[in-house]
Amino acid sequence: MIKIYHVPNTRSLRVIWLMEELEEPYEVETLSFPLDDSFRALSPTTSIPAIVDGDIVMGESIAILQYLTGRRLQKSLELKITVGPQPDPAAYAEHLQYLHMGESSLLAPLALLVVTRKRAPGDQQSNFTTELCEQRLTTRMEALEKRFADGRTWITGGDFTIADISIASALAFARLSGLDSLLGPGASAYLDRIEARTAYQRAVGQ
């Protein structure tokens, strides 16, 4: 059984959410910051999430999503939650682009923006770092709005995939952090659809 090391309201939500979508059994060990020495021994980078699958230990939430859907490929294909094993190249490229966009282009600058705002002195809440993050996020959110302008339900079209888990978890973090103003109407409606999913609700409840 997969063991997931989890801190609420972090990237580990992605992994739990995927397991709920797959309806696969898993074990959760809930941690809190600062992480203790036993976890540091398991994960030298001390990054959350981490999973243990037999003798395999790995981190990086997007890599874990790809690993778990690859390990459960038939079930993942039946649910249309991933693409493969020999997908159309254009569909595969689109899937990978949005799968990684959720982390590298959305959640990473969002997290930096939130941390900087929280830790900066009161008279430095607006500085070069926050302004740069806001500019980049504005550009990327505008791209998402164009994406949803055709009325699509999910990020790559009519099927919910792990790319949605990646993108939506970043948008949910923005909403949780009081950054709703960054979300346009299309992204907000998309996140509402995400939050109505039973698997998402179960994952958030962990």
N, C-alpha and C. Protein backbone atom coordinates (compact mmCIF):
# COMPACT_ATOMS: atom_id res chain seq x y z
N MET A 1 0.84 -1.20 0.00
CA MET A 1 0.00 0.00 0.00
C MET A 1 0.88 1.25 0.00
N ILE A 2 0.49 2.23 -0.78
CA ILE A 2 1.21 3.50 -0.84
C ILE A 2 1.06 4.24 0.48
N LYS A 3 2.19 4.72 1.01
CA LYS A 3 2.17 5.57 2.20
C LYS A 3 2.51 6.99 1.76
N ILE A 4 1.68 7.95 2.15
CA ILE A 4 1.84 9.33 1.73
C ILE A 4 2.16 10.18 2.96
N TYR A 5 3.26 10.90 2.90
CA TYR A 5 3.60 11.85 3.95
C TYR A 5 2.97 13.19 3.57
N HIS A 6 2.14 13.70 4.47
CA HIS A 6 1.22 14.77 4.13
C HIS A 6 1.24 15.89 5.15
N VAL A 7 1.24 17.12 4.65
CA VAL A 7 0.99 18.30 5.47
C VAL A 7 -0.22 18.99 4.86
N PRO A 8 -1.29 19.21 5.61
CA PRO A 8 -2.49 19.85 5.05
C PRO A 8 -2.17 21.17 4.36
N ASN A 9 -2.92 21.43 3.29
CA ASN A 9 -2.81 22.68 2.51
C ASN A 9 -1.45 22.84 1.83
N THR A 10 -0.84 21.72 1.48
CA THR A 10 0.42 21.76 0.74
C THR A 10 0.28 20.90 -0.52
N ARG A 11 1.39 20.73 -1.23
CA ARG A 11 1.40 19.97 -2.48
C ARG A 11 1.01 18.50 -2.28
N SER A 12 1.09 18.01 -1.06
CA SER A 12 0.73 16.61 -0.82
C SER A 12 -0.75 16.35 -1.10
N LEU A 13 -1.56 17.41 -1.11
CA LEU A 13 -2.97 17.26 -1.48
C LEU A 13 -3.10 16.60 -2.84
N ARG A 14 -2.21 16.94 -3.76
CA ARG A 14 -2.27 16.39 -5.12
C ARG A 14 -2.24 14.87 -5.10
N VAL A 15 -1.37 14.31 -4.28
CA VAL A 15 -1.18 12.86 -4.27
C VAL A 15 -2.39 12.17 -3.64
N ILE A 16 -2.86 12.68 -2.53
CA ILE A 16 -4.04 12.11 -1.88
C ILE A 16 -5.25 12.21 -2.81
N TRP A 17 -5.38 13.35 -3.46
CA TRP A 17 -6.50 13.56 -4.39
C TRP A 17 -6.47 12.53 -5.51
N LEU A 18 -5.28 12.29 -6.09
CA LEU A 18 -5.18 11.28 -7.14
C LEU A 18 -5.61 9.91 -6.64
N MET A 19 -5.16 9.52 -5.45
CA MET A 19 -5.53 8.21 -4.93
C MET A 19 -7.04 8.12 -4.69
N GLU A 20 -7.66 9.22 -4.31
CA GLU A 20 -9.12 9.24 -4.15
C GLU A 20 -9.81 9.11 -5.50
N GLU A 21 -9.28 9.76 -6.51
CA GLU A 21 -9.86 9.63 -7.86
C GLU A 21 -9.75 8.19 -8.35
N LEU A 22 -8.62 7.55 -8.05
CA LEU A 22 -8.39 6.17 -8.48
C LEU A 22 -9.15 5.17 -7.61
N GLU A 23 -9.63 5.64 -6.45
CA GLU A 23 -10.30 4.78 -5.47
C GLU A 23 -9.39 3.64 -5.06
N GLU A 24 -8.12 3.98 -4.83
CA GLU A 24 -7.11 3.02 -4.40
C GLU A 24 -6.84 3.20 -2.91
N PRO A 25 -6.56 2.12 -2.19
CA PRO A 25 -6.21 2.27 -0.76
C PRO A 25 -4.86 2.94 -0.60
N TYR A 26 -4.71 3.69 0.45
CA TYR A 26 -3.44 4.34 0.76
C TYR A 26 -3.40 4.65 2.24
N GLU A 27 -2.21 4.92 2.72
CA GLU A 27 -2.02 5.28 4.12
C GLU A 27 -1.45 6.69 4.18
N VAL A 28 -1.94 7.49 5.10
CA VAL A 28 -1.47 8.87 5.25
C VAL A 28 -0.76 9.01 6.59
N GLU A 29 0.42 9.60 6.58
CA GLU A 29 1.07 10.03 7.81
C GLU A 29 1.10 11.56 7.78
N THR A 30 0.30 12.15 8.63
CA THR A 30 0.19 13.61 8.65
C THR A 30 1.29 14.21 9.51
N LEU A 31 2.00 15.16 8.93
CA LEU A 31 3.10 15.83 9.61
C LEU A 31 2.77 17.30 9.79
N SER A 32 3.64 17.99 10.46
CA SER A 32 3.52 19.45 10.58
C SER A 32 4.91 20.05 10.50
N PHE A 33 4.95 21.32 10.18
CA PHE A 33 6.24 22.02 10.13
C PHE A 33 6.60 22.55 11.51
N PRO A 34 7.86 22.50 11.90
CA PRO A 34 9.01 21.97 11.16
C PRO A 34 9.01 20.44 11.15
N LEU A 35 9.50 19.86 10.06
CA LEU A 35 9.51 18.42 9.91
C LEU A 35 10.56 17.79 10.83
N ASP A 36 10.24 16.63 11.38
CA ASP A 36 11.14 16.03 12.37
C ASP A 36 12.28 15.26 11.72
N ASP A 37 13.19 14.79 12.54
CA ASP A 37 14.40 14.13 12.05
C ASP A 37 14.09 12.82 11.32
N SER A 38 13.04 12.11 11.74
CA SER A 38 12.72 10.84 11.08
C SER A 38 12.32 11.07 9.63
N PHE A 39 11.60 12.16 9.38
CA PHE A 39 11.24 12.46 7.98
C PHE A 39 12.46 12.95 7.22
N ARG A 40 13.30 13.71 7.86
CA ARG A 40 14.52 14.19 7.20
C ARG A 40 15.40 13.01 6.78
N ALA A 41 15.41 11.96 7.58
CA ALA A 41 16.19 10.78 7.23
C ALA A 41 15.59 10.07 6.03
N LEU A 42 14.28 10.13 5.91
CA LEU A 42 13.59 9.50 4.78
C LEU A 42 13.77 10.32 3.51
N SER A 43 13.64 11.64 3.64
CA SER A 43 13.66 12.53 2.49
C SER A 43 14.72 13.61 2.71
N PRO A 44 15.91 13.42 2.18
CA PRO A 44 17.01 14.37 2.44
C PRO A 44 16.67 15.81 2.06
N THR A 45 15.81 16.01 1.06
CA THR A 45 15.45 17.38 0.68
C THR A 45 14.34 17.93 1.57
N THR A 46 13.78 17.07 2.42
CA THR A 46 12.69 17.43 3.34
C THR A 46 11.52 18.08 2.61
N SER A 47 11.27 17.62 1.39
CA SER A 47 10.15 18.18 0.64
C SER A 47 8.89 17.36 0.84
N ILE A 48 7.78 18.06 0.94
CA ILE A 48 6.46 17.44 1.02
C ILE A 48 5.78 17.65 -0.31
N PRO A 49 5.18 16.58 -0.88
CA PRO A 49 4.98 15.26 -0.31
C PRO A 49 6.17 14.33 -0.54
N ALA A 50 6.09 13.20 0.16
CA ALA A 50 6.95 12.06 -0.14
C ALA A 50 6.06 10.83 -0.06
N ILE A 51 6.40 9.82 -0.83
CA ILE A 51 5.65 8.56 -0.76
C ILE A 51 6.62 7.41 -0.58
N VAL A 52 6.10 6.35 0.01
CA VAL A 52 6.83 5.08 0.10
C VAL A 52 5.95 4.03 -0.57
N ASP A 53 6.51 3.36 -1.56
CA ASP A 53 5.82 2.30 -2.28
C ASP A 53 6.74 1.08 -2.28
N GLY A 54 6.58 0.23 -1.27
CA GLY A 54 7.51 -0.88 -1.12
C GLY A 54 8.88 -0.36 -0.75
N ASP A 55 9.87 -0.65 -1.60
CA ASP A 55 11.22 -0.15 -1.34
C ASP A 55 11.53 1.12 -2.12
N ILE A 56 10.49 1.70 -2.72
CA ILE A 56 10.66 2.95 -3.48
C ILE A 56 10.24 4.12 -2.62
N VAL A 57 11.10 5.12 -2.52
CA VAL A 57 10.80 6.37 -1.83
C VAL A 57 11.01 7.49 -2.82
N MET A 58 10.02 8.36 -2.96
CA MET A 58 10.19 9.47 -3.89
C MET A 58 9.43 10.69 -3.42
N GLY A 59 9.85 11.84 -3.93
CA GLY A 59 9.19 13.10 -3.67
C GLY A 59 8.83 13.77 -4.98
N GLU A 60 8.53 15.07 -4.92
CA GLU A 60 8.12 15.89 -6.06
C GLU A 60 6.72 15.47 -6.53
N SER A 61 5.76 16.32 -6.22
CA SER A 61 4.36 15.96 -6.41
C SER A 61 3.99 15.61 -7.85
N ILE A 62 4.51 16.35 -8.82
CA ILE A 62 4.15 16.06 -10.22
C ILE A 62 4.77 14.74 -10.66
N ALA A 63 6.00 14.48 -10.25
CA ALA A 63 6.63 13.20 -10.56
C ALA A 63 5.83 12.05 -9.94
N ILE A 64 5.34 12.27 -8.73
CA ILE A 64 4.55 11.23 -8.06
C ILE A 64 3.25 10.97 -8.83
N LEU A 65 2.59 12.02 -9.31
CA LEU A 65 1.37 11.83 -10.11
C LEU A 65 1.66 10.98 -11.34
N GLN A 66 2.76 11.26 -12.01
CA GLN A 66 3.11 10.48 -13.20
C GLN A 66 3.47 9.04 -12.82
N TYR A 67 4.18 8.88 -11.74
CA TYR A 67 4.57 7.54 -11.29
C TYR A 67 3.33 6.71 -10.94
N LEU A 68 2.42 7.27 -10.17
CA LEU A 68 1.26 6.51 -9.71
C LEU A 68 0.32 6.16 -10.86
N THR A 69 0.12 7.07 -11.79
CA THR A 69 -0.74 6.74 -12.94
C THR A 69 -0.05 5.73 -13.85
N GLY A 70 1.28 5.79 -13.91
CA GLY A 70 2.00 4.79 -14.68
C GLY A 70 1.92 3.41 -14.05
N ARG A 71 1.99 3.37 -12.73
CA ARG A 71 1.89 2.09 -12.01
C ARG A 71 0.48 1.51 -12.09
N ARG A 72 -0.50 2.38 -12.24
CA ARG A 72 -1.90 1.96 -12.31
C ARG A 72 -2.48 2.38 -13.66
N LEU A 73 -1.74 2.06 -14.72
CA LEU A 73 -2.05 2.61 -16.03
C LEU A 73 -3.43 2.19 -16.53
N GLN A 74 -3.79 0.92 -16.38
CA GLN A 74 -5.07 0.47 -16.91
C GLN A 74 -6.23 1.20 -16.24
N LYS A 75 -6.18 1.29 -14.90
CA LYS A 75 -7.23 2.00 -14.17
C LYS A 75 -7.24 3.48 -14.55
N SER A 76 -6.06 4.05 -14.70
CA SER A 76 -5.95 5.47 -15.06
C SER A 76 -6.52 5.73 -16.45
N LEU A 77 -6.29 4.80 -17.37
CA LEU A 77 -6.81 4.96 -18.72
C LEU A 77 -8.33 4.77 -18.74
N GLU A 78 -8.82 3.83 -17.94
CA GLU A 78 -10.27 3.63 -17.88
C GLU A 78 -10.98 4.88 -17.37
N LEU A 79 -10.36 5.56 -16.41
CA LEU A 79 -10.93 6.79 -15.85
C LEU A 79 -10.58 8.01 -16.69
N LYS A 80 -9.71 7.82 -17.70
CA LYS A 80 -9.23 8.90 -18.56
C LYS A 80 -8.49 9.97 -17.77
N ILE A 81 -7.83 9.53 -16.72
CA ILE A 81 -7.14 10.48 -15.85
C ILE A 81 -5.71 10.76 -16.31
N THR A 82 -5.25 9.98 -17.30
CA THR A 82 -3.95 10.22 -17.90
C THR A 82 -4.03 9.82 -19.37
N VAL A 83 -2.94 10.00 -20.10
CA VAL A 83 -2.91 9.61 -21.50
C VAL A 83 -1.81 8.58 -21.70
N GLY A 84 -2.00 7.70 -22.65
CA GLY A 84 -1.01 6.66 -22.89
C GLY A 84 -1.68 5.35 -23.27
N PRO A 85 -0.92 4.29 -23.50
CA PRO A 85 0.54 4.27 -23.48
C PRO A 85 1.19 4.81 -24.75
N GLN A 86 0.41 4.93 -25.84
CA GLN A 86 0.92 5.51 -27.07
C GLN A 86 -0.06 6.60 -27.54
N PRO A 87 -0.07 7.71 -26.83
CA PRO A 87 -1.06 8.75 -27.14
C PRO A 87 -0.73 9.51 -28.41
N ASP A 88 -1.72 10.20 -28.92
CA ASP A 88 -1.49 11.13 -30.01
C ASP A 88 -0.46 12.16 -29.54
N PRO A 89 0.58 12.43 -30.33
CA PRO A 89 1.64 13.33 -29.87
C PRO A 89 1.14 14.70 -29.43
N ALA A 90 0.18 15.26 -30.16
CA ALA A 90 -0.34 16.58 -29.80
C ALA A 90 -1.08 16.55 -28.48
N ALA A 91 -1.88 15.50 -28.26
CA ALA A 91 -2.62 15.37 -27.00
C ALA A 91 -1.67 15.14 -25.85
N TYR A 92 -0.62 14.36 -26.09
CA TYR A 92 0.35 14.08 -25.04
C TYR A 92 1.12 15.35 -24.66
N ALA A 93 1.51 16.12 -25.68
CA ALA A 93 2.23 17.37 -25.43
C ALA A 93 1.37 18.35 -24.64
N GLU A 94 0.09 18.44 -25.01
CA GLU A 94 -0.83 19.32 -24.29
C GLU A 94 -0.97 18.88 -22.84
N HIS A 95 -1.13 17.59 -22.63
CA HIS A 95 -1.27 17.03 -21.29
C HIS A 95 -0.05 17.36 -20.43
N LEU A 96 1.14 17.13 -20.96
CA LEU A 96 2.36 17.39 -20.20
C LEU A 96 2.54 18.88 -19.92
N GLN A 97 2.20 19.71 -20.88
CA GLN A 97 2.37 21.15 -20.71
C GLN A 97 1.58 21.65 -19.51
N TYR A 98 0.30 21.25 -19.41
CA TYR A 98 -0.53 21.75 -18.32
C TYR A 98 -0.27 21.01 -17.01
N LEU A 99 0.17 19.76 -17.11
CA LEU A 99 0.57 19.03 -15.91
C LEU A 99 1.70 19.77 -15.19
N HIS A 100 2.68 20.22 -15.95
CA HIS A 100 3.83 20.90 -15.35
C HIS A 100 3.59 22.39 -15.13
N MET A 101 2.68 22.97 -15.87
CA MET A 101 2.35 24.39 -15.66
C MET A 101 1.82 24.63 -14.25
N GLY A 102 1.03 23.70 -13.74
CA GLY A 102 0.43 23.88 -12.43
C GLY A 102 1.47 24.08 -11.34
N GLU A 103 2.63 23.46 -11.49
CA GLU A 103 3.70 23.62 -10.50
C GLU A 103 4.63 24.76 -10.88
N SER A 104 5.27 24.65 -12.04
CA SER A 104 6.35 25.58 -12.36
C SER A 104 5.88 26.99 -12.65
N SER A 105 4.73 27.14 -13.29
CA SER A 105 4.27 28.47 -13.69
C SER A 105 3.22 29.07 -12.77
N LEU A 106 2.59 28.24 -11.93
CA LEU A 106 1.54 28.75 -11.05
C LEU A 106 1.89 28.61 -9.57
N LEU A 107 2.02 27.38 -9.08
CA LEU A 107 2.17 27.21 -7.64
C LEU A 107 3.50 27.74 -7.12
N ALA A 108 4.57 27.58 -7.87
CA ALA A 108 5.88 28.07 -7.40
C ALA A 108 5.87 29.58 -7.17
N PRO A 109 5.44 30.40 -8.14
CA PRO A 109 5.39 31.84 -7.87
C PRO A 109 4.32 32.23 -6.86
N LEU A 110 3.22 31.48 -6.82
CA LEU A 110 2.20 31.76 -5.80
C LEU A 110 2.76 31.56 -4.40
N ALA A 111 3.46 30.46 -4.20
CA ALA A 111 4.03 30.18 -2.88
C ALA A 111 5.06 31.23 -2.49
N LEU A 112 5.88 31.63 -3.45
CA LEU A 112 6.88 32.66 -3.18
C LEU A 112 6.22 33.99 -2.83
N LEU A 113 5.16 34.32 -3.54
CA LEU A 113 4.43 35.56 -3.27
C LEU A 113 3.85 35.55 -1.86
N VAL A 114 3.21 34.45 -1.49
CA VAL A 114 2.58 34.35 -0.17
C VAL A 114 3.63 34.40 0.94
N VAL A 115 4.70 33.64 0.80
CA VAL A 115 5.74 33.61 1.83
C VAL A 115 6.39 34.98 1.98
N THR A 116 6.67 35.64 0.87
CA THR A 116 7.30 36.96 0.93
C THR A 116 6.40 37.96 1.63
N ARG A 117 5.12 37.92 1.31
CA ARG A 117 4.19 38.85 1.94
C ARG A 117 4.09 38.61 3.44
N LYS A 118 4.10 37.35 3.83
CA LYS A 118 3.95 37.02 5.25
C LYS A 118 5.19 37.39 6.05
N ARG A 119 6.36 37.23 5.45
CA ARG A 119 7.60 37.40 6.19
C ARG A 119 8.22 38.79 6.06
N ALA A 120 7.83 39.53 5.04
CA ALA A 120 8.41 40.85 4.86
C ALA A 120 7.88 41.81 5.92
N PRO A 121 8.71 42.74 6.37
CA PRO A 121 8.22 43.75 7.31
C PRO A 121 7.05 44.53 6.69
N GLY A 122 6.25 45.12 7.55
CA GLY A 122 5.05 45.80 7.09
C GLY A 122 5.27 46.82 6.01
N ASP A 123 6.39 47.55 6.07
CA ASP A 123 6.64 48.59 5.07
C ASP A 123 7.28 48.04 3.80
N GLN A 124 7.46 46.70 3.74
CA GLN A 124 8.07 46.09 2.56
C GLN A 124 7.17 45.02 1.95
N GLN A 125 5.87 45.10 2.23
CA GLN A 125 4.95 44.10 1.69
C GLN A 125 4.94 44.11 0.17
N SER A 126 5.17 45.27 -0.41
CA SER A 126 5.31 45.36 -1.86
C SER A 126 6.77 45.61 -2.17
N ASN A 127 7.43 44.65 -2.79
CA ASN A 127 8.83 44.80 -3.14
C ASN A 127 9.07 44.17 -4.50
N PHE A 128 10.32 44.11 -4.91
CA PHE A 128 10.62 43.59 -6.24
C PHE A 128 10.11 42.17 -6.43
N THR A 129 10.30 41.32 -5.42
CA THR A 129 9.89 39.92 -5.54
C THR A 129 8.38 39.78 -5.69
N THR A 130 7.63 40.46 -4.84
CA THR A 130 6.17 40.35 -4.92
C THR A 130 5.65 40.94 -6.22
N GLU A 131 6.23 42.05 -6.65
CA GLU A 131 5.77 42.67 -7.90
C GLU A 131 6.07 41.77 -9.10
N LEU A 132 7.24 41.13 -9.09
CA LEU A 132 7.59 40.23 -10.19
C LEU A 132 6.66 39.03 -10.21
N CYS A 133 6.39 38.44 -9.04
CA CYS A 133 5.48 37.30 -8.97
C CYS A 133 4.08 37.68 -9.45
N GLU A 134 3.61 38.83 -9.02
CA GLU A 134 2.27 39.28 -9.42
C GLU A 134 2.19 39.49 -10.93
N GLN A 135 3.24 40.08 -11.52
CA GLN A 135 3.24 40.30 -12.96
C GLN A 135 3.19 38.97 -13.72
N ARG A 136 4.02 38.03 -13.29
CA ARG A 136 4.07 36.74 -13.98
C ARG A 136 2.78 35.96 -13.79
N LEU A 137 2.22 36.01 -12.60
CA LEU A 137 0.96 35.31 -12.35
C LEU A 137 -0.17 35.92 -13.15
N THR A 138 -0.18 37.24 -13.27
CA THR A 138 -1.22 37.89 -14.07
C THR A 138 -1.18 37.41 -15.51
N THR A 139 0.02 37.33 -16.07
CA THR A 139 0.17 36.85 -17.45
C THR A 139 -0.32 35.41 -17.59
N ARG A 140 0.01 34.58 -16.63
CA ARG A 140 -0.35 33.17 -16.72
C ARG A 140 -1.83 32.95 -16.46
N MET A 141 -2.41 33.73 -15.59
CA MET A 141 -3.85 33.64 -15.35
C MET A 141 -4.63 34.12 -16.57
N GLU A 142 -4.10 35.10 -17.27
CA GLU A 142 -4.74 35.55 -18.51
C GLU A 142 -4.72 34.43 -19.55
N ALA A 143 -3.63 33.67 -19.58
CA ALA A 143 -3.56 32.53 -20.49
C ALA A 143 -4.59 31.47 -20.14
N LEU A 144 -4.83 31.26 -18.84
CA LEU A 144 -5.86 30.31 -18.42
C LEU A 144 -7.24 30.78 -18.82
N GLU A 145 -7.48 32.08 -18.69
CA GLU A 145 -8.79 32.62 -19.08
C GLU A 145 -9.05 32.37 -20.57
N LYS A 146 -8.05 32.56 -21.38
CA LYS A 146 -8.20 32.27 -22.81
C LYS A 146 -8.48 30.79 -23.02
N ARG A 147 -7.86 29.97 -22.19
CA ARG A 147 -8.04 28.52 -22.30
C ARG A 147 -9.50 28.13 -22.04
N PHE A 148 -10.11 28.76 -21.05
CA PHE A 148 -11.48 28.41 -20.68
C PHE A 148 -12.54 29.17 -21.47
N ALA A 149 -12.10 30.06 -22.35
CA ALA A 149 -13.05 30.90 -23.09
C ALA A 149 -13.93 30.08 -24.04
N ASP A 150 -13.46 28.88 -24.42
CA ASP A 150 -14.26 28.06 -25.34
C ASP A 150 -15.30 27.21 -24.62
N GLY A 151 -15.40 27.37 -23.30
CA GLY A 151 -16.42 26.65 -22.55
C GLY A 151 -16.02 25.27 -22.10
N ARG A 152 -14.76 24.92 -22.25
CA ARG A 152 -14.30 23.58 -21.84
C ARG A 152 -14.53 23.37 -20.36
N THR A 153 -14.76 22.12 -19.98
CA THR A 153 -14.98 21.79 -18.57
C THR A 153 -13.67 21.64 -17.83
N TRP A 154 -12.72 20.92 -18.45
CA TRP A 154 -11.43 20.64 -17.80
C TRP A 154 -10.30 21.22 -18.62
N ILE A 155 -9.11 21.21 -18.08
CA ILE A 155 -8.02 21.99 -18.67
C ILE A 155 -7.64 21.52 -20.07
N THR A 156 -7.75 20.21 -20.35
CA THR A 156 -7.42 19.74 -21.69
C THR A 156 -8.67 19.36 -22.49
N GLY A 157 -9.84 19.72 -22.00
CA GLY A 157 -11.05 19.45 -22.78
C GLY A 157 -12.16 18.84 -21.95
N GLY A 158 -12.67 17.68 -22.42
CA GLY A 158 -13.83 17.07 -21.77
C GLY A 158 -13.51 16.06 -20.69
N ASP A 159 -12.24 15.67 -20.55
CA ASP A 159 -11.87 14.65 -19.57
C ASP A 159 -11.02 15.25 -18.45
N PHE A 160 -11.33 14.87 -17.24
CA PHE A 160 -10.55 15.25 -16.07
C PHE A 160 -9.28 14.40 -16.04
N THR A 161 -8.12 15.03 -15.91
CA THR A 161 -6.85 14.31 -15.89
C THR A 161 -5.97 14.82 -14.74
N ILE A 162 -4.80 14.21 -14.60
CA ILE A 162 -3.88 14.68 -13.57
C ILE A 162 -3.38 16.09 -13.86
N ALA A 163 -3.50 16.55 -15.10
CA ALA A 163 -3.18 17.95 -15.39
C ALA A 163 -4.12 18.87 -14.62
N ASP A 164 -5.37 18.45 -14.45
CA ASP A 164 -6.32 19.23 -13.65
C ASP A 164 -5.93 19.23 -12.18
N ILE A 165 -5.44 18.10 -11.69
CA ILE A 165 -4.99 18.05 -10.30
C ILE A 165 -3.86 19.05 -10.09
N SER A 166 -2.96 19.14 -11.06
CA SER A 166 -1.84 20.07 -10.96
C SER A 166 -2.31 21.53 -11.01
N ILE A 167 -3.08 21.87 -12.03
CA ILE A 167 -3.54 23.26 -12.21
C ILE A 167 -4.47 23.68 -11.07
N ALA A 168 -5.44 22.84 -10.75
CA ALA A 168 -6.47 23.23 -9.77
C ALA A 168 -5.90 23.35 -8.37
N SER A 169 -4.91 22.55 -8.02
CA SER A 169 -4.34 22.66 -6.69
C SER A 169 -3.64 24.01 -6.53
N ALA A 170 -3.06 24.53 -7.61
CA ALA A 170 -2.45 25.86 -7.55
C ALA A 170 -3.52 26.93 -7.38
N LEU A 171 -4.61 26.81 -8.12
CA LEU A 171 -5.69 27.79 -8.00
C LEU A 171 -6.33 27.72 -6.62
N ALA A 172 -6.47 26.52 -6.08
CA ALA A 172 -7.04 26.37 -4.74
C ALA A 172 -6.14 27.01 -3.70
N PHE A 173 -4.83 26.91 -3.89
CA PHE A 173 -3.89 27.56 -2.98
C PHE A 173 -4.05 29.07 -3.04
N ALA A 174 -4.25 29.60 -4.24
CA ALA A 174 -4.47 31.04 -4.39
C ALA A 174 -5.72 31.46 -3.65
N ARG A 175 -6.79 30.70 -3.81
CA ARG A 175 -8.05 31.02 -3.12
C ARG A 175 -7.88 30.92 -1.61
N LEU A 176 -7.23 29.88 -1.14
CA LEU A 176 -7.01 29.69 0.28
C LEU A 176 -6.16 30.82 0.87
N SER A 177 -5.25 31.37 0.06
CA SER A 177 -4.34 32.40 0.53
C SER A 177 -4.89 33.81 0.37
N GLY A 178 -6.16 33.92 -0.03
CA GLY A 178 -6.76 35.24 -0.18
C GLY A 178 -6.36 35.96 -1.45
N LEU A 179 -5.94 35.21 -2.47
CA LEU A 179 -5.52 35.81 -3.73
C LEU A 179 -6.54 35.57 -4.84
N ASP A 180 -7.81 35.56 -4.46
CA ASP A 180 -8.87 35.34 -5.44
C ASP A 180 -8.84 36.36 -6.56
N SER A 181 -8.32 37.55 -6.28
CA SER A 181 -8.29 38.61 -7.29
C SER A 181 -7.45 38.23 -8.50
N LEU A 182 -6.55 37.26 -8.34
CA LEU A 182 -5.74 36.81 -9.47
C LEU A 182 -6.53 35.91 -10.42
N LEU A 183 -7.63 35.33 -9.93
CA LEU A 183 -8.40 34.39 -10.73
C LEU A 183 -9.47 35.13 -11.53
N GLY A 184 -9.49 34.89 -12.83
CA GLY A 184 -10.55 35.43 -13.67
C GLY A 184 -11.81 34.61 -13.53
N PRO A 185 -12.90 35.01 -14.19
CA PRO A 185 -14.17 34.29 -14.07
C PRO A 185 -14.09 32.85 -14.57
N GLY A 186 -13.33 32.61 -15.63
CA GLY A 186 -13.20 31.25 -16.14
C GLY A 186 -12.49 30.34 -15.16
N ALA A 187 -11.39 30.83 -14.58
CA ALA A 187 -10.64 30.04 -13.60
C ALA A 187 -11.45 29.84 -12.32
N SER A 188 -12.19 30.85 -11.92
CA SER A 188 -13.01 30.74 -10.71
C SER A 188 -14.11 29.69 -10.89
N ALA A 189 -14.76 29.70 -12.04
CA ALA A 189 -15.80 28.72 -12.32
C ALA A 189 -15.21 27.31 -12.40
N TYR A 190 -14.04 27.22 -13.00
CA TYR A 190 -13.33 25.92 -13.07
C TYR A 190 -13.02 25.40 -11.68
N LEU A 191 -12.52 26.27 -10.81
CA LEU A 191 -12.20 25.85 -9.45
C LEU A 191 -13.46 25.45 -8.68
N ASP A 192 -14.56 26.11 -8.95
CA ASP A 192 -15.83 25.71 -8.33
C ASP A 192 -16.19 24.28 -8.75
N ARG A 193 -15.99 23.96 -10.02
CA ARG A 193 -16.29 22.59 -10.49
C ARG A 193 -15.37 21.59 -9.80
N ILE A 194 -14.11 21.96 -9.66
CA ILE A 194 -13.14 21.09 -8.99
C ILE A 194 -13.58 20.83 -7.55
N GLU A 195 -13.95 21.88 -6.84
CA GLU A 195 -14.29 21.76 -5.43
C GLU A 195 -15.58 20.97 -5.20
N ALA A 196 -16.36 20.78 -6.26
CA ALA A 196 -17.58 19.97 -6.16
C ALA A 196 -17.30 18.48 -6.35
N ARG A 197 -16.09 18.13 -6.78
CA ARG A 197 -15.76 16.72 -6.99
C ARG A 197 -15.66 16.00 -5.65
N THR A 198 -16.28 14.84 -5.55
CA THR A 198 -16.27 14.08 -4.31
C THR A 198 -14.86 13.68 -3.90
N ALA A 199 -14.03 13.26 -4.86
CA ALA A 199 -12.67 12.85 -4.53
C ALA A 199 -11.87 14.02 -3.97
N TYR A 200 -12.07 15.21 -4.53
CA TYR A 200 -11.38 16.39 -4.03
C TYR A 200 -11.80 16.68 -2.59
N GLN A 201 -13.08 16.61 -2.34
CA GLN A 201 -13.59 16.89 -1.00
C GLN A 201 -13.03 15.89 0.02
N ARG A 202 -12.94 14.62 -0.37
CA ARG A 202 -12.37 13.62 0.53
C ARG A 202 -10.89 13.91 0.79
N ALA A 203 -10.18 14.31 -0.25
CA ALA A 203 -8.74 14.60 -0.10
C ALA A 203 -8.51 15.80 0.81
N VAL A 204 -9.30 16.84 0.64
CA VAL A 204 -9.16 18.03 1.48
C VAL A 204 -9.46 17.71 2.94
N GLY A 205 -10.33 16.72 3.15
CA GLY A 205 -10.69 16.34 4.51
C GLY A 205 -9.63 15.55 5.26
N GLN A 206 -8.54 15.17 4.57
CA GLN A 206 -7.48 14.39 5.22
C GLN A 206 -6.66 15.26 6.17
